[in-house]
PDB file of N, CA and C in Angstrom:
ATOM      1  N   MET A   1     -16.764   4.258  -3.439  1.00  0.00           N
ATOM      2  CA  MET A   1     -15.608   3.574  -2.903  1.00  0.00           C
ATOM      3  C   MET A   1     -14.364   4.383  -3.273  1.00  0.00           C
ATOM      4  N   HIS A   2     -13.413   4.427  -2.351  1.00  0.00           N
ATOM      5  CA  HIS A   2     -12.156   5.153  -2.558  1.00  0.00           C
ATOM      6  C   HIS A   2     -10.999   4.182  -2.347  1.00  0.00           C
ATOM      7  N   LYS A   3     -10.033   4.221  -3.238  1.00  0.00           N
ATOM      8  CA  LYS A   3      -8.939   3.248  -3.203  1.00  0.00           C
ATOM      9  C   LYS A   3      -7.603   3.936  -2.953  1.00  0.00           C
ATOM     10  N   LEU A   4      -6.767   3.262  -2.198  1.00  0.00           N
ATOM     11  CA  LEU A   4      -5.380   3.662  -1.965  1.00  0.00           C
ATOM     12  C   LEU A   4      -4.504   2.584  -2.579  1.00  0.00           C
ATOM     13  N   ILE A   5      -3.526   2.998  -3.370  1.00  0.00           N
ATOM     14  CA  ILE A   5      -2.523   2.090  -3.930  1.00  0.00           C
ATOM     15  C   ILE A   5      -1.163   2.629  -3.504  1.00  0.00           C
ATOM     16  N   VAL A   6      -0.316   1.744  -2.979  1.00  0.00           N
ATOM     17  CA  VAL A   6       1.065   2.114  -2.667  1.00  0.00           C
ATOM     18  C   VAL A   6       1.961   1.175  -3.464  1.00  0.00           C
ATOM     19  N   LEU A   7       2.832   1.756  -4.296  1.00  0.00           N
ATOM     20  CA  LEU A   7       3.767   1.002  -5.118  1.00  0.00           C
ATOM     21  C   LEU A   7       5.164   1.186  -4.544  1.00  0.00           C
ATOM     22  N   TYR A   8       5.851   0.092  -4.334  1.00  0.00           N
ATOM     23  CA  TYR A   8       7.180   0.138  -3.732  1.00  0.00           C
ATOM     24  C   TYR A   8       8.242  -0.273  -4.752  1.00  0.00           C
ATOM     25  N   PRO A   9       9.162   0.648  -5.099  1.00  0.00           N
ATOM     26  CA  PRO A   9      10.297   0.265  -5.938  1.00  0.00           C
ATOM     27  C   PRO A   9      11.190  -0.738  -5.202  1.00  0.00           C
ATOM     28  N   GLU A  10      12.090  -1.334  -5.940  1.00  0.00           N
ATOM     29  CA  GLU A  10      13.008  -2.335  -5.382  1.00  0.00           C
ATOM     30  C   GLU A  10      13.729  -1.782  -4.153  1.00  0.00           C
ATOM     31  N   PRO A  11      13.652  -2.494  -3.020  1.00  0.00           N
ATOM     32  CA  PRO A  11      14.357  -2.054  -1.814  1.00  0.00           C
ATOM     33  C   PRO A  11      15.824  -2.493  -1.842  1.00  0.00           C
ATOM     34  N   VAL A  12      16.598  -1.961  -0.950  1.00  0.00           N
ATOM     35  CA  VAL A  12      17.996  -2.367  -0.822  1.00  0.00           C
ATOM     36  C   VAL A  12      18.078  -3.839  -0.419  1.00  0.00           C
ATOM     37  N   ASP A  13      17.202  -4.273   0.485  1.00  0.00           N
ATOM     38  CA  ASP A  13      17.219  -5.645   1.005  1.00  0.00           C
ATOM     39  C   ASP A  13      15.787  -6.185   0.994  1.00  0.00           C
ATOM     40  N   ARG A  14      15.491  -7.044   0.038  1.00  0.00           N
ATOM     41  CA  ARG A  14      14.132  -7.600  -0.092  1.00  0.00           C
ATOM     42  C   ARG A  14      13.673  -8.320   1.169  1.00  0.00           C
ATOM     43  N   SER A  15      14.530  -9.141   1.718  1.00  0.00           N
ATOM     44  CA  SER A  15      14.167  -9.929   2.891  1.00  0.00           C
ATOM     45  C   SER A  15      13.829  -9.035   4.082  1.00  0.00           C
ATOM     46  N   ALA A  16      14.643  -8.007   4.304  1.00  0.00           N
ATOM     47  CA  ALA A  16      14.382  -7.076   5.409  1.00  0.00           C
ATOM     48  C   ALA A  16      13.073  -6.325   5.179  1.00  0.00           C
ATOM     49  N   PHE A  17      12.811  -5.929   3.930  1.00  0.00           N
ATOM     50  CA  PHE A  17      11.554  -5.246   3.594  1.00  0.00           C
ATOM     51  C   PHE A  17      10.378  -6.126   3.980  1.00  0.00           C
ATOM     52  N   VAL A  18      10.350  -7.352   3.454  1.00  0.00           N
ATOM     53  CA  VAL A  18       9.211  -8.250   3.675  1.00  0.00           C
ATOM     54  C   VAL A  18       9.031  -8.545   5.160  1.00  0.00           C
ATOM     55  N   ASP A  19      10.119  -8.814   5.860  1.00  0.00           N
ATOM     56  CA  ASP A  19      10.030  -9.122   7.287  1.00  0.00           C
ATOM     57  C   ASP A  19       9.404  -7.959   8.062  1.00  0.00           C
ATOM     58  N   TYR A  20       9.921  -6.752   7.863  1.00  0.00           N
ATOM     59  CA  TYR A  20       9.411  -5.591   8.582  1.00  0.00           C
ATOM     60  C   TYR A  20       7.977  -5.281   8.141  1.00  0.00           C
ATOM     61  N   TYR A  21       7.737  -5.333   6.839  1.00  0.00           N
ATOM     62  CA  TYR A  21       6.427  -4.996   6.279  1.00  0.00           C
ATOM     63  C   TYR A  21       5.335  -5.892   6.860  1.00  0.00           C
ATOM     64  N   GLU A  22       5.584  -7.194   6.864  1.00  0.00           N
ATOM     65  CA  GLU A  22       4.569  -8.131   7.316  1.00  0.00           C
ATOM     66  C   GLU A  22       4.400  -8.137   8.834  1.00  0.00           C
ATOM     67  N   LYS A  23       5.485  -7.966   9.568  1.00  0.00           N
ATOM     68  CA  LYS A  23       5.410  -8.059  11.025  1.00  0.00           C
ATOM     69  C   LYS A  23       5.093  -6.744  11.719  1.00  0.00           C
ATOM     70  N   THR A  24       5.445  -5.624  11.092  1.00  0.00           N
ATOM     71  CA  THR A  24       5.284  -4.330  11.757  1.00  0.00           C
ATOM     72  C   THR A  24       4.345  -3.381  11.015  1.00  0.00           C
ATOM     73  N   HIS A  25       4.599  -3.168   9.722  1.00  0.00           N
ATOM     74  CA  HIS A  25       3.831  -2.143   9.009  1.00  0.00           C
ATOM     75  C   HIS A  25       2.385  -2.559   8.745  1.00  0.00           C
ATOM     76  N   LEU A  26       2.186  -3.761   8.244  1.00  0.00           N
ATOM     77  CA  LEU A  26       0.806  -4.180   7.946  1.00  0.00           C
ATOM     78  C   LEU A  26      -0.084  -4.201   9.185  1.00  0.00           C
ATOM     79  N   PRO A  27       0.402  -4.655  10.353  1.00  0.00           N
ATOM     80  CA  PRO A  27      -0.440  -4.549  11.544  1.00  0.00           C
ATOM     81  C   PRO A  27      -0.819  -3.105  11.879  1.00  0.00           C
ATOM     82  N   LEU A  28       0.076  -2.155  11.602  1.00  0.00           N
ATOM     83  CA  LEU A  28      -0.278  -0.736  11.793  1.00  0.00           C
ATOM     84  C   LEU A  28      -1.374  -0.327  10.820  1.00  0.00           C
ATOM     85  N   ALA A  29      -1.205  -0.699   9.556  1.00  0.00           N
ATOM     86  CA  ALA A  29      -2.165  -0.315   8.522  1.00  0.00           C
ATOM     87  C   ALA A  29      -3.550  -0.900   8.794  1.00  0.00           C
ATOM     88  N   GLN A  30      -3.601  -2.100   9.352  1.00  0.00           N
ATOM     89  CA  GLN A  30      -4.885  -2.743   9.628  1.00  0.00           C
ATOM     90  C   GLN A  30      -5.708  -1.978  10.662  1.00  0.00           C
ATOM     91  N   ARG A  31      -5.062  -1.108  11.400  1.00  0.00           N
ATOM     92  CA  ARG A  31      -5.767  -0.324  12.433  1.00  0.00           C
ATOM     93  C   ARG A  31      -6.355   0.976  11.907  1.00  0.00           C
ATOM     94  N   LEU A  32      -6.166   1.268  10.617  1.00  0.00           N
ATOM     95  CA  LEU A  32      -6.707   2.517  10.073  1.00  0.00           C
ATOM     96  C   LEU A  32      -8.222   2.549  10.236  1.00  0.00           C
ATOM     97  N   PRO A  33      -8.745   3.609  10.844  1.00  0.00           N
ATOM     98  CA  PRO A  33     -10.203   3.699  10.992  1.00  0.00           C
ATOM     99  C   PRO A  33     -10.887   3.798   9.633  1.00  0.00           C
ATOM    100  N   GLY A  34     -11.974   3.081   9.475  1.00  0.00           N
ATOM    101  CA  GLY A  34     -12.740   3.136   8.235  1.00  0.00           C
ATOM    102  C   GLY A  34     -12.197   2.262   7.121  1.00  0.00           C
ATOM    103  N   LEU A  35     -11.145   1.505   7.376  1.00  0.00           N
ATOM    104  CA  LEU A  35     -10.572   0.617   6.366  1.00  0.00           C
ATOM    105  C   LEU A  35     -11.560  -0.512   6.079  1.00  0.00           C
ATOM    106  N   ARG A  36     -11.990  -0.636   4.831  1.00  0.00           N
ATOM    107  CA  ARG A  36     -12.965  -1.678   4.460  1.00  0.00           C
ATOM    108  C   ARG A  36     -12.289  -2.973   4.041  1.00  0.00           C
ATOM    109  N   SER A  37     -11.202  -2.864   3.286  1.00  0.00           N
ATOM    110  CA  SER A  37     -10.472  -4.054   2.849  1.00  0.00           C
ATOM    111  C   SER A  37      -9.051  -3.657   2.482  1.00  0.00           C
ATOM    112  N   TRP A  38      -8.178  -4.649   2.464  1.00  0.00           N
ATOM    113  CA  TRP A  38      -6.793  -4.400   2.063  1.00  0.00           C
ATOM    114  C   TRP A  38      -6.185  -5.693   1.539  1.00  0.00           C
ATOM    115  N   ARG A  39      -5.139  -5.533   0.750  1.00  0.00           N
ATOM    116  CA  ARG A  39      -4.388  -6.667   0.225  1.00  0.00           C
ATOM    117  C   ARG A  39      -3.028  -6.169  -0.223  1.00  0.00           C
ATOM    118  N   TYR A  40      -2.085  -7.086  -0.375  1.00  0.00           N
ATOM    119  CA  TYR A  40      -0.757  -6.688  -0.835  1.00  0.00           C
ATOM    120  C   TYR A  40      -0.099  -7.844  -1.572  1.00  0.00           C
ATOM    121  N   SER A  41       0.989  -7.542  -2.267  1.00  0.00           N
ATOM    122  CA  SER A  41       1.782  -8.574  -2.910  1.00  0.00           C
ATOM    123  C   SER A  41       3.233  -8.130  -2.977  1.00  0.00           C
ATOM    124  N   VAL A  42       4.122  -9.074  -2.764  1.00  0.00           N
ATOM    125  CA  VAL A  42       5.557  -8.856  -2.998  1.00  0.00           C
ATOM    126  C   VAL A  42       6.011  -9.785  -4.130  1.00  0.00           C
ATOM    127  N   GLU A  43       5.062 -10.146  -4.974  1.00  0.00           N
ATOM    128  CA  GLU A  43       5.330 -11.031  -6.107  1.00  0.00           C
ATOM    129  C   GLU A  43       4.838 -10.383  -7.401  1.00  0.00           C
ATOM    130  N   VAL A  44       5.309  -9.175  -7.673  1.00  0.00           N
ATOM    131  CA  VAL A  44       4.917  -8.461  -8.883  1.00  0.00           C
ATOM    132  C   VAL A  44       5.599  -9.121 -10.081  1.00  0.00           C
ATOM    133  N   SER A  45       4.844  -9.413 -11.115  1.00  0.00           N
ATOM    134  CA  SER A  45       5.344 -10.144 -12.282  1.00  0.00           C
ATOM    135  C   SER A  45       6.202  -9.271 -13.188  1.00  0.00           C
ATOM    136  N   PRO A  46       7.120  -9.900 -13.909  1.00  0.00           N
ATOM    137  CA  PRO A  46       7.886  -9.162 -14.927  1.00  0.00           C
ATOM    138  C   PRO A  46       6.942  -8.642 -16.009  1.00  0.00           C
ATOM    139  N   ASP A  47       7.429  -7.697 -16.818  1.00  0.00           N
ATOM    140  CA  ASP A  47       6.599  -7.199 -17.914  1.00  0.00           C
ATOM    141  C   ASP A  47       6.499  -8.279 -19.000  1.00  0.00           C
ATOM    142  N   PRO A  48       5.672  -8.067 -20.031  1.00  0.00           N
ATOM    143  CA  PRO A  48       5.473  -9.108 -21.056  1.00  0.00           C
ATOM    144  C   PRO A  48       6.757  -9.554 -21.766  1.00  0.00           C
ATOM    145  N   ASP A  49       7.783  -8.695 -21.777  1.00  0.00           N
ATOM    146  CA  ASP A  49       9.051  -9.067 -22.413  1.00  0.00           C
ATOM    147  C   ASP A  49      10.013  -9.743 -21.450  1.00  0.00           C
ATOM    148  N   GLY A  50       9.579  -9.956 -20.199  1.00  0.00           N
ATOM    149  CA  GLY A  50      10.424 -10.612 -19.222  1.00  0.00           C
ATOM    150  C   GLY A  50      11.332  -9.684 -18.445  1.00  0.00           C
ATOM    151  N   ASN A  51      11.183  -8.383 -18.662  1.00  0.00           N
ATOM    152  CA  ASN A  51      11.986  -7.421 -17.914  1.00  0.00           C
ATOM    153  C   ASN A  51      11.493  -7.326 -16.480  1.00  0.00           C
ATOM    154  N   PRO A  52      12.387  -7.019 -15.539  1.00  0.00           N
ATOM    155  CA  PRO A  52      11.961  -6.879 -14.145  1.00  0.00           C
ATOM    156  C   PRO A  52      10.849  -5.833 -14.014  1.00  0.00           C
ATOM    157  N   PRO A  53       9.941  -6.056 -13.089  1.00  0.00           N
ATOM    158  CA  PRO A  53       8.851  -5.088 -12.905  1.00  0.00           C
ATOM    159  C   PRO A  53       9.389  -3.759 -12.372  1.00  0.00           C
ATOM    160  N   ALA A  54       8.650  -2.701 -12.614  1.00  0.00           N
ATOM    161  CA  ALA A  54       9.036  -1.374 -12.127  1.00  0.00           C
ATOM    162  C   ALA A  54       8.902  -1.287 -10.611  1.00  0.00           C
ATOM    163  N   TYR A  55       8.074  -2.158 -10.036  1.00  0.00           N
ATOM    164  CA  TYR A  55       7.837  -2.117  -8.593  1.00  0.00           C
ATOM    165  C   TYR A  55       8.013  -3.501  -7.995  1.00  0.00           C
ATOM    166  N   PHE A  56       8.528  -3.534  -6.783  1.00  0.00           N
ATOM    167  CA  PHE A  56       8.774  -4.768  -6.053  1.00  0.00           C
ATOM    168  C   PHE A  56       7.518  -5.255  -5.334  1.00  0.00           C
ATOM    169  N   ALA A  57       6.749  -4.314  -4.784  1.00  0.00           N
ATOM    170  CA  ALA A  57       5.573  -4.667  -3.988  1.00  0.00           C
ATOM    171  C   ALA A  57       4.454  -3.666  -4.245  1.00  0.00           C
ATOM    172  N   VAL A  58       3.229  -4.109  -3.945  1.00  0.00           N
ATOM    173  CA  VAL A  58       2.053  -3.250  -4.097  1.00  0.00           C
ATOM    174  C   VAL A  58       1.112  -3.496  -2.915  1.00  0.00           C
ATOM    175  N   PHE A  59       0.487  -2.417  -2.448  1.00  0.00           N
ATOM    176  CA  PHE A  59      -0.509  -2.487  -1.384  1.00  0.00           C
ATOM    177  C   PHE A  59      -1.760  -1.790  -1.884  1.00  0.00           C
ATOM    178  N   GLU A  60      -2.922  -2.389  -1.613  1.00  0.00           N
ATOM    179  CA  GLU A  60      -4.210  -1.795  -1.972  1.00  0.00           C
ATOM    180  C   GLU A  60      -5.094  -1.741  -0.733  1.00  0.00           C
ATOM    181  N   ALA A  61      -5.818  -0.648  -0.580  1.00  0.00           N
ATOM    182  CA  ALA A  61      -6.790  -0.524   0.503  1.00  0.00           C
ATOM    183  C   ALA A  61      -8.014   0.198  -0.027  1.00  0.00           C
ATOM    184  N   GLU A  62      -9.164  -0.095   0.569  1.00  0.00           N
ATOM    185  CA  GLU A  62     -10.410   0.554   0.165  1.00  0.00           C
ATOM    186  C   GLU A  62     -11.113   1.159   1.368  1.00  0.00           C
ATOM    187  N   PHE A  63     -11.693   2.325   1.111  1.00  0.00           N
ATOM    188  CA  PHE A  63     -12.461   3.078   2.094  1.00  0.00           C
ATOM    189  C   PHE A  63     -13.796   3.448   1.460  1.00  0.00           C
ATOM    190  N   ASP A  64     -14.768   3.823   2.272  1.00  0.00           N
ATOM    191  CA  ASP A  64     -16.087   4.170   1.736  1.00  0.00           C
ATOM    192  C   ASP A  64     -16.031   5.304   0.719  1.00  0.00           C
ATOM    193  N   ASP A  65     -15.265   6.338   1.026  1.00  0.00           N
ATOM    194  CA  ASP A  65     -15.192   7.508   0.156  1.00  0.00           C
ATOM    195  C   ASP A  65     -13.930   8.304   0.495  1.00  0.00           C
ATOM    196  N   ALA A  66     -13.700   9.378  -0.239  1.00  0.00           N
ATOM    197  CA  ALA A  66     -12.500  10.199  -0.037  1.00  0.00           C
ATOM    198  C   ALA A  66     -12.457  10.772   1.373  1.00  0.00           C
ATOM    199  N   GLU A  67     -13.589  11.151   1.907  1.00  0.00           N
ATOM    200  CA  GLU A  67     -13.637  11.709   3.264  1.00  0.00           C
ATOM    201  C   GLU A  67     -13.176  10.672   4.291  1.00  0.00           C
ATOM    202  N   ALA A  68     -13.624   9.446   4.148  1.00  0.00           N
ATOM    203  CA  ALA A  68     -13.206   8.380   5.067  1.00  0.00           C
ATOM    204  C   ALA A  68     -11.705   8.123   4.947  1.00  0.00           C
ATOM    205  N   PHE A  69     -11.188   8.147   3.720  1.00  0.00           N
ATOM    206  CA  PHE A  69      -9.752   7.957   3.513  1.00  0.00           C
ATOM    207  C   PHE A  69      -8.955   9.083   4.168  1.00  0.00           C
ATOM    208  N   ARG A  70      -9.349  10.312   3.913  1.00  0.00           N
ATOM    209  CA  ARG A  70      -8.627  11.465   4.483  1.00  0.00           C
ATOM    210  C   ARG A  70      -8.704  11.458   6.013  1.00  0.00           C
ATOM    211  N   SER A  71      -9.839  11.096   6.535  1.00  0.00           N
ATOM    212  CA  SER A  71      -9.994  11.009   7.982  1.00  0.00           C
ATOM    213  C   SER A  71      -9.070   9.929   8.557  1.00  0.00           C
ATOM    214  N   ALA A  72      -9.007   8.784   7.892  1.00  0.00           N
ATOM    215  CA  ALA A  72      -8.134   7.692   8.345  1.00  0.00           C
ATOM    216  C   ALA A  72      -6.678   8.132   8.341  1.00  0.00           C
ATOM    217  N   MET A  73      -6.251   8.782   7.280  1.00  0.00           N
ATOM    218  CA  MET A  73      -4.845   9.175   7.173  1.00  0.00           C
ATOM    219  C   MET A  73      -4.507  10.331   8.115  1.00  0.00           C
ATOM    220  N   GLY A  74      -5.502  11.109   8.506  1.00  0.00           N
ATOM    221  CA  GLY A  74      -5.282  12.202   9.446  1.00  0.00           C
ATOM    222  C   GLY A  74      -5.354  11.776  10.905  1.00  0.00           C
ATOM    223  N   SER A  75      -5.783  10.537  11.128  1.00  0.00           N
ATOM    224  CA  SER A  75      -5.903  10.026  12.496  1.00  0.00           C
ATOM    225  C   SER A  75      -4.523   9.694  13.064  1.00  0.00           C
ATOM    226  N   SER A  76      -4.462   9.414  14.356  1.00  0.00           N
ATOM    227  CA  SER A  76      -3.182   9.023  14.952  1.00  0.00           C
ATOM    228  C   SER A  76      -2.671   7.727  14.319  1.00  0.00           C
ATOM    229  N   GLU A  77      -3.583   6.808  13.981  1.00  0.00           N
ATOM    230  CA  GLU A  77      -3.181   5.573  13.305  1.00  0.00           C
ATOM    231  C   GLU A  77      -2.610   5.867  11.918  1.00  0.00           C
ATOM    232  N   GLY A  78      -3.254   6.768  11.190  1.00  0.00           N
ATOM    233  CA  GLY A  78      -2.778   7.142   9.858  1.00  0.00           C
ATOM    234  C   GLY A  78      -1.416   7.811   9.905  1.00  0.00           C
ATOM    235  N   ARG A  79      -1.219   8.672  10.890  1.00  0.00           N
ATOM    236  CA  ARG A  79       0.089   9.322  11.035  1.00  0.00           C
ATOM    237  C   ARG A  79       1.161   8.298  11.385  1.00  0.00           C
ATOM    238  N   ALA A  80       0.816   7.302  12.200  1.00  0.00           N
ATOM    239  CA  ALA A  80       1.773   6.238  12.546  1.00  0.00           C
ATOM    240  C   ALA A  80       2.146   5.429  11.303  1.00  0.00           C
ATOM    241  N   VAL A  81       1.163   5.109  10.468  1.00  0.00           N
ATOM    242  CA  VAL A  81       1.418   4.369   9.234  1.00  0.00           C
ATOM    243  C   VAL A  81       2.348   5.173   8.325  1.00  0.00           C
ATOM    244  N   ALA A  82       2.027   6.430   8.111  1.00  0.00           N
ATOM    245  CA  ALA A  82       2.839   7.270   7.214  1.00  0.00           C
ATOM    246  C   ALA A  82       4.261   7.442   7.735  1.00  0.00           C
ATOM    247  N   SER A  83       4.406   7.652   9.025  1.00  0.00           N
ATOM    248  CA  SER A  83       5.751   7.882   9.564  1.00  0.00           C
ATOM    249  C   SER A  83       6.576   6.597   9.618  1.00  0.00           C
ATOM    250  N   ASP A  84       5.934   5.430   9.494  1.00  0.00           N
ATOM    251  CA  ASP A  84       6.639   4.157   9.526  1.00  0.00           C
ATOM    252  C   ASP A  84       7.276   3.794   8.182  1.00  0.00           C
ATOM    253  N   VAL A  85       6.783   4.345   7.094  1.00  0.00           N
ATOM    254  CA  VAL A  85       7.249   3.966   5.748  1.00  0.00           C
ATOM    255  C   VAL A  85       8.776   4.038   5.601  1.00  0.00           C
ATOM    256  N   PRO A  86       9.453   5.090   6.041  1.00  0.00           N
ATOM    257  CA  PRO A  86      10.912   5.131   5.881  1.00  0.00           C
ATOM    258  C   PRO A  86      11.654   4.023   6.639  1.00  0.00           C
ATOM    259  N   ASN A  87      10.987   3.358   7.578  1.00  0.00           N
ATOM    260  CA  ASN A  87      11.636   2.300   8.339  1.00  0.00           C
ATOM    261  C   ASN A  87      11.868   1.024   7.527  1.00  0.00           C
ATOM    262  N   TYR A  88      11.205   0.875   6.395  1.00  0.00           N
ATOM    263  CA  TYR A  88      11.366  -0.353   5.597  1.00  0.00           C
ATOM    264  C   TYR A  88      11.473  -0.096   4.104  1.00  0.00           C
ATOM    265  N   ALA A  89      10.931   1.002   3.609  1.00  0.00           N
ATOM    266  CA  ALA A  89      10.870   1.259   2.162  1.00  0.00           C
ATOM    267  C   ALA A  89      12.103   2.038   1.701  1.00  0.00           C
ATOM    268  N   SER A  90      13.249   1.351   1.652  1.00  0.00           N
ATOM    269  CA  SER A  90      14.497   2.018   1.270  1.00  0.00           C
ATOM    270  C   SER A  90      14.465   2.537  -0.166  1.00  0.00           C
ATOM    271  N   GLY A  91      13.581   1.976  -0.990  1.00  0.00           N
ATOM    272  CA  GLY A  91      13.430   2.446  -2.368  1.00  0.00           C
ATOM    273  C   GLY A  91      12.372   3.525  -2.513  1.00  0.00           C
ATOM    274  N   GLY A  92      11.761   3.921  -1.399  1.00  0.00           N
ATOM    275  CA  GLY A  92      10.693   4.914  -1.448  1.00  0.00           C
ATOM    276  C   GLY A  92       9.340   4.267  -1.687  1.00  0.00           C
ATOM    277  N   ALA A  93       8.348   5.089  -1.941  1.00  0.00           N
ATOM    278  CA  ALA A  93       6.993   4.602  -2.188  1.00  0.00           C
ATOM    279  C   ALA A  93       6.254   5.605  -3.065  1.00  0.00           C
ATOM    280  N   VAL A  94       5.457   5.093  -3.976  1.00  0.00           N
ATOM    281  CA  VAL A  94       4.581   5.909  -4.816  1.00  0.00           C
ATOM    282  C   VAL A  94       3.172   5.686  -4.299  1.00  0.00           C
ATOM    283  N   ILE A  95       2.495   6.768  -3.919  1.00  0.00           N
ATOM    284  CA  ILE A  95       1.178   6.659  -3.306  1.00  0.00           C
ATOM    285  C   ILE A  95       0.134   7.282  -4.229  1.00  0.00           C
ATOM    286  N   LEU A  96      -0.918   6.522  -4.511  1.00  0.00           N
ATOM    287  CA  LEU A  96      -2.040   6.981  -5.328  1.00  0.00           C
ATOM    288  C   LEU A  96      -3.314   6.755  -4.550  1.00  0.00           C
ATOM    289  N   ASP A  97      -4.212   7.725  -4.589  1.00  0.00           N
ATOM    290  CA  ASP A  97      -5.552   7.482  -4.043  1.00  0.00           C
ATOM    291  C   ASP A  97      -6.558   8.092  -4.995  1.00  0.00           C
ATOM    292  N   TYR A  98      -7.695   7.414  -5.130  1.00  0.00           N
ATOM    293  CA  TYR A  98      -8.677   7.843  -6.130  1.00  0.00           C
ATOM    294  C   TYR A  98     -10.035   7.211  -5.857  1.00  0.00           C
ATOM    295  N   ALA A  99     -11.054   7.878  -6.362  1.00  0.00           N
ATOM    296  CA  ALA A  99     -12.416   7.341  -6.291  1.00  0.00           C
ATOM    297  C   ALA A  99     -12.583   6.305  -7.412  1.00  0.00           C
ATOM    298  N   LEU A 100     -13.236   5.210  -7.091  1.00  0.00           N
ATOM    299  CA  LEU A 100     -13.518   4.188  -8.102  1.00  0.00           C
ATOM    300  C   LEU A 100     -14.757   4.572  -8.880  1.00  0.00           C
ATOM    301  N   ALA A 101     -14.728   4.286 -10.176  1.00  0.00           N
ATOM    302  CA  ALA A 101     -15.869   4.576 -11.041  1.00  0.00           C
ATOM    303  C   ALA A 101     -16.008   3.455 -12.060  1.00  0.00           C
ATOM    304  N   GLY A 102     -17.221   3.100 -12.373  1.00  0.00           N
ATOM    305  CA  GLY A 102     -17.464   2.091 -13.409  1.00  0.00           C
ATOM    306  C   GLY A 102     -17.006   0.714 -13.000  1.00  0.00           C
ATOM    307  N   GLY A 103     -16.990  -0.169 -13.971  1.00  0.00           N
ATOM    308  CA  GLY A 103     -16.525  -1.531 -13.747  1.00  0.00           C
ATOM    309  C   GLY A 103     -17.656  -2.513 -13.614  1.00  0.00           C
ATOM    310  N   GLY A 104     -17.299  -3.724 -13.295  1.00  0.00           N
ATOM    311  CA  GLY A 104     -18.270  -4.793 -13.124  1.00  0.00           C
ATOM    312  C   GLY A 104     -17.569  -6.128 -13.213  1.00  0.00           C
ATOM    313  N   ALA A 105     -18.316  -7.160 -13.142  1.00  0.00           N
ATOM    314  CA  ALA A 105     -17.752  -8.513 -13.214  1.00  0.00           C
ATOM    315  C   ALA A 105     -17.417  -8.853 -14.661  1.00  0.00           C
ATOM    316  N   ALA A 106     -16.379  -9.639 -14.818  1.00  0.00           N
ATOM    317  CA  ALA A 106     -15.953 -10.040 -16.169  1.00  0.00           C
ATOM    318  C   ALA A 106     -16.791 -11.185 -16.673  1.00  0.00           C
TER     319      ALA A 106
END
């Protein structure tokens, strides 16, 4: 399994971010070929001391493997998703992708 994480720093306008993200960007992302699952949150908790979180929002997606992820991002749908990010992420985005290893049920 291969995972994509996108971390979004605080945007200039939270409401505009959420509106565009939910109505425009997520429908684009859902079309990525080979996408197995996805989820997101715009309710990132403060740190244990009550300080604001480093990120405003987080997106997670899973693909079968690195090849499937790279193929998805290289597709026309993947290029559309990537080129759409500046339309809503005024704070930028931190993108991580990695193969999952280990783990299990708690």
